[in-house]
C-alpha atoms as a PDB file:
ATOM      1  CA  GLN A   1      98.474  24.593 -58.116  1.00  0.00           C
ATOM      2  CA  VAL A   2      95.646  25.929 -55.991  1.00  0.00           C
ATOM      3  CA  LYS A   3      93.836  28.834 -57.173  1.00  0.00           C
ATOM      4  CA  LEU A   4      91.883  31.354 -55.104  1.00  0.00           C
ATOM      5  CA  VAL A   5      89.070  33.465 -56.566  1.00  0.00           C
ATOM      6  CA  GLU A   6      87.148  35.890 -54.553  1.00  0.00           C
ATOM      7  CA  SER A   7      83.729  37.505 -55.525  1.00  0.00           C
ATOM      8  CA  GLY A   8      81.097  39.220 -53.672  1.00  0.00           C
ATOM      9  CA  GLY A   9      82.680  42.879 -53.593  1.00  0.00           C
ATOM     10  CA  GLY A  10      80.690  45.779 -54.493  1.00  0.00           C
ATOM     11  CA  LEU A  11      79.189  49.309 -53.562  1.00  0.00           C
ATOM     12  CA  VAL A  12      76.900  49.455 -50.309  1.00  0.00           C
ATOM     13  CA  GLN A  13      75.633  52.043 -48.080  1.00  0.00           C
ATOM     14  CA  ALA A  14      76.829  52.575 -44.330  1.00  0.00           C
ATOM     15  CA  GLY A  15      74.910  49.890 -42.254  1.00  0.00           C
ATOM     16  CA  GLY A  16      74.354  47.485 -45.291  1.00  0.00           C
ATOM     17  CA  SER A  17      75.825  43.940 -45.553  1.00  0.00           C
ATOM     18  CA  LEU A  18      78.190  42.194 -48.168  1.00  0.00           C
ATOM     19  CA  ARG A  19      78.764  38.324 -48.303  1.00  0.00           C
ATOM     20  CA  LEU A  20      82.328  37.798 -49.652  1.00  0.00           C
ATOM     21  CA  SER A  21      83.277  34.339 -51.175  1.00  0.00           C
ATOM     22  CA  CYS A  22      86.455  32.929 -51.835  1.00  0.00           C
ATOM     23  CA  ALA A  23      86.666  29.862 -54.282  1.00  0.00           C
ATOM     24  CA  ALA A  24      89.298  27.343 -54.184  1.00  0.00           C
ATOM     25  CA  SER A  25      90.298  25.090 -57.554  1.00  0.00           C
ATOM     26  CA  GLY A  26      92.964  23.085 -58.456  1.00  0.00           C
ATOM     27  CA  GLY A  27      93.916  21.315 -55.305  1.00  0.00           C
ATOM     28  CA  SER A  28      93.074  20.739 -51.462  1.00  0.00           C
ATOM     29  CA  PHE A  29      90.985  23.120 -49.692  1.00  0.00           C
ATOM     30  CA  SER A  30      90.470  20.996 -46.625  1.00  0.00           C
ATOM     31  CA  PHE A  31      93.845  21.603 -44.757  1.00  0.00           C
ATOM     32  CA  GLY A  32      95.325  24.295 -42.828  1.00  0.00           C
ATOM     33  CA  GLY A  33      93.949  27.946 -41.979  1.00  0.00           C
ATOM     34  CA  MET A  34      92.644  30.525 -44.309  1.00  0.00           C
ATOM     35  CA  ALA A  35      92.471  34.189 -43.934  1.00  0.00           C
ATOM     36  CA  TRP A  36      90.550  37.599 -45.197  1.00  0.00           C
ATOM     37  CA  HIS A  37      92.687  40.461 -45.191  1.00  0.00           C
ATOM     38  CA  ARG A  38      91.856  44.313 -46.538  1.00  0.00           C
ATOM     39  CA  GLN A  39      94.063  47.020 -48.190  1.00  0.00           C
ATOM     40  CA  ALA A  40      92.042  50.473 -47.977  1.00  0.00           C
ATOM     41  CA  PRO A  41      93.827  53.077 -50.157  1.00  0.00           C
ATOM     42  CA  GLY A  42      96.847  54.589 -49.547  1.00  0.00           C
ATOM     43  CA  LYS A  43      97.327  51.954 -46.395  1.00  0.00           C
ATOM     44  CA  GLN A  44      99.414  48.696 -45.556  1.00  0.00           C
ATOM     45  CA  ARG A  45      96.892  45.417 -46.240  1.00  0.00           C
ATOM     46  CA  GLU A  46      95.559  44.353 -42.617  1.00  0.00           C
ATOM     47  CA  TRP A  47      94.607  41.119 -41.319  1.00  0.00           C
ATOM     48  CA  VAL A  48      90.638  40.896 -40.405  1.00  0.00           C
ATOM     49  CA  ALA A  49      89.674  37.729 -39.841  1.00  0.00           C
ATOM     50  CA  HIS A  50      91.304  33.746 -39.554  1.00  0.00           C
ATOM     51  CA  ILE A  51      89.671  30.413 -39.570  1.00  0.00           C
ATOM     52  CA  ARG A  52      91.352  27.260 -38.489  1.00  0.00           C
ATOM     53  CA  SER A  53      90.623  23.707 -40.391  1.00  0.00           C
ATOM     54  CA  THR A  54      88.896  22.783 -37.451  1.00  0.00           C
ATOM     55  CA  GLY A  55      86.291  25.863 -37.585  1.00  0.00           C
ATOM     56  CA  THR A  56      87.863  27.975 -34.812  1.00  0.00           C
ATOM     57  CA  THR A  57      87.773  31.508 -35.661  1.00  0.00           C
ATOM     58  CA  THR A  58      89.617  34.732 -34.673  1.00  0.00           C
ATOM     59  CA  TYR A  59      88.747  38.404 -35.862  1.00  0.00           C
ATOM     60  CA  ALA A  60      90.528  41.835 -35.918  1.00  0.00           C
ATOM     61  CA  ASP A  61      88.935  43.912 -33.447  1.00  0.00           C
ATOM     62  CA  SER A  62      87.984  46.473 -35.446  1.00  0.00           C
ATOM     63  CA  VAL A  63      85.300  43.871 -37.210  1.00  0.00           C
ATOM     64  CA  LYS A  64      84.625  41.848 -34.084  1.00  0.00           C
ATOM     65  CA  GLY A  65      80.641  41.386 -33.783  1.00  0.00           C
ATOM     66  CA  ARG A  66      80.164  42.702 -37.218  1.00  0.00           C
ATOM     67  CA  PHE A  67      81.521  39.920 -39.646  1.00  0.00           C
ATOM     68  CA  THR A  68      81.366  36.199 -39.411  1.00  0.00           C
ATOM     69  CA  ILE A  69      84.042  34.123 -41.668  1.00  0.00           C
ATOM     70  CA  SER A  70      83.477  30.540 -42.407  1.00  0.00           C
ATOM     71  CA  ARG A  71      84.205  27.916 -44.783  1.00  0.00           C
ATOM     72  CA  ASP A  72      82.757  24.878 -46.384  1.00  0.00           C
ATOM     73  CA  ASN A  73      85.466  22.366 -47.394  1.00  0.00           C
ATOM     74  CA  ALA A  74      82.880  20.551 -49.348  1.00  0.00           C
ATOM     75  CA  LYS A  75      82.441  23.532 -51.749  1.00  0.00           C
ATOM     76  CA  ASN A  76      85.998  24.209 -51.573  1.00  0.00           C
ATOM     77  CA  THR A  77      84.744  27.828 -50.425  1.00  0.00           C
ATOM     78  CA  MET A  78      85.474  30.281 -47.609  1.00  0.00           C
ATOM     79  CA  TYR A  79      82.719  33.360 -47.080  1.00  0.00           C
ATOM     80  CA  LEU A  80      82.724  36.630 -45.051  1.00  0.00           C
ATOM     81  CA  GLN A  81      79.562  37.821 -43.993  1.00  0.00           C
ATOM     82  CA  MET A  82      79.929  41.523 -43.360  1.00  0.00           C
ATOM     83  CA  ASN A  83      76.996  43.372 -41.601  1.00  0.00           C
ATOM     84  CA  SER A  84      76.754  46.672 -40.502  1.00  0.00           C
ATOM     85  CA  LEU A  85      79.461  47.987 -42.951  1.00  0.00           C
ATOM     86  CA  LYS A  86      81.274  51.551 -42.419  1.00  0.00           C
ATOM     87  CA  PRO A  87      83.009  53.929 -44.745  1.00  0.00           C
ATOM     88  CA  GLU A  88      86.055  52.529 -43.033  1.00  0.00           C
ATOM     89  CA  ASP A  89      85.753  48.997 -43.870  1.00  0.00           C
ATOM     90  CA  THR A  90      86.344  49.985 -47.683  1.00  0.00           C
ATOM     91  CA  GLY A  91      89.129  48.391 -49.453  1.00  0.00           C
ATOM     92  CA  VAL A  92      90.200  45.454 -51.811  1.00  0.00           C
ATOM     93  CA  TYR A  93      89.527  42.211 -49.684  1.00  0.00           C
ATOM     94  CA  TYR A  94      91.634  39.576 -50.552  1.00  0.00           C
ATOM     95  CA  CYS A  95      91.628  35.645 -49.008  1.00  0.00           C
ATOM     96  CA  TYR A  96      94.591  33.893 -48.137  1.00  0.00           C
ATOM     97  CA  LYS A  97      95.427  30.543 -47.651  1.00  0.00           C
ATOM     98  CA  GLU A  98      98.472  29.457 -45.567  1.00  0.00           C
ATOM     99  CA  GLN A  99      99.334  26.092 -46.817  1.00  0.00           C
ATOM    100  CA  GLY A 100     101.218  27.520 -50.087  1.00  0.00           C
ATOM    101  CA  ALA A 101     100.842  30.868 -48.750  1.00  0.00           C
ATOM    102  CA  LEU A 102      98.382  31.750 -51.568  1.00  0.00           C
ATOM    103  CA  TRP A 103      96.666  35.036 -52.023  1.00  0.00           C
ATOM    104  CA  GLY A 104      93.845  35.793 -54.303  1.00  0.00           C
ATOM    105  CA  GLN A 105      93.393  38.264 -56.478  1.00  0.00           C
ATOM    106  CA  GLY A 106      91.088  40.469 -54.331  1.00  0.00           C
ATOM    107  CA  THR A 107      87.407  41.957 -54.771  1.00  0.00           C
ATOM    108  CA  GLN A 108      86.594  45.742 -53.746  1.00  0.00           C
ATOM    109  CA  VAL A 109      84.514  46.511 -51.345  1.00  0.00           C
ATOM    110  CA  THR A 110      83.136  50.441 -50.946  1.00  0.00           C
ATOM    111  CA  VAL A 111      81.138  51.342 -48.377  1.00  0.00           C
ATOM    112  CA  SER A 112      79.509  55.153 -48.903  1.00  0.00           C
ATOM    113  CA  SER A 113      78.762  56.919 -45.991  1.00  0.00           C
END
């Protein structure tokens, strides 16, 4: 059974940057798409970015041009580079693996104004 563990969250000022990681263990990582989602306080979880096994990426309009999703299959790890952070980016960030419909436990990102 594959397990996903996010890390890299924290508190940052508006305009700053963070890099999130999602490490997979216990099974195959290379196959299938993966994604980042986030959930702000009092709001529904929303999709942020997606990466196919081929490396093709797509982004939500709210993060396009500021966030970059990537994956290193050799390291069984997916990343989310977040630049020019805004207070509205605050929330718990989750990684998701399509194969097996797996979620990580989430990592908190807080952007202060």
